[in-house]
Amino acid sequence: MAAALFALRAAERGGEVVVRSAGLLDGGEGVPADVQVAMGAYGVDLSGHRSRELDSALVTGADLVVGMSHRHVQEAALLDPDAWERIFRLKELVRRGSGIGPRLPGQDPQGWVRAAQGDRTRSALVQVSPADDVADPFGGPAAGYAATAAELDALVTDLADLIWPAS
């Protein structure tokens, strides 16, 4: 859901971005019906989407890796330890990004990500703070998927506004 919403919000702002989605479970699964309904409210059709398991090639090749939970971030960092400075939880990245402000004119998106990294150290990968996790609605009621989609849309909209600020 986050990847599709971020791609949508980035495109609305003229951001040229390749967004890939992956998780910790085995790949090849379709999107649950409750997800399709929740995303339909945003004009997003995920009926053809198939899950993909996170692998080192995805992490190594990414300018930015965004996880929903602490475990996602840890697993991505284990796959490519050199990429840890580009790996964030979504809420953490939006919080840190809000602290430094929108991307400056002439600053490339990677420069903004480096600025958001700031004084963050590798110890952030072992500090468990559920405040920066997005709750996973998997297996819950349809209302949980809708609520998560709304939360994700607000977060990725904030992130897109930070990376591609209005002129």
Foldseek 3Di string as FASTA:
>chain_A
DLQQLLVVLLVVLVHDDDTDDAAADAKFQADDPLLQVLCVVVVDGRRVDIHHHDALVVLVPDLAAEAQFLVRLLVSCVRPVVSNLRYYHLQLLLVLLVVVFADDVPHALSNSSNSSSPPPDPVVSVDHDCVSHQDDCPPHDSVSSNVSSVVSNVSSNSVSCRHRPDD
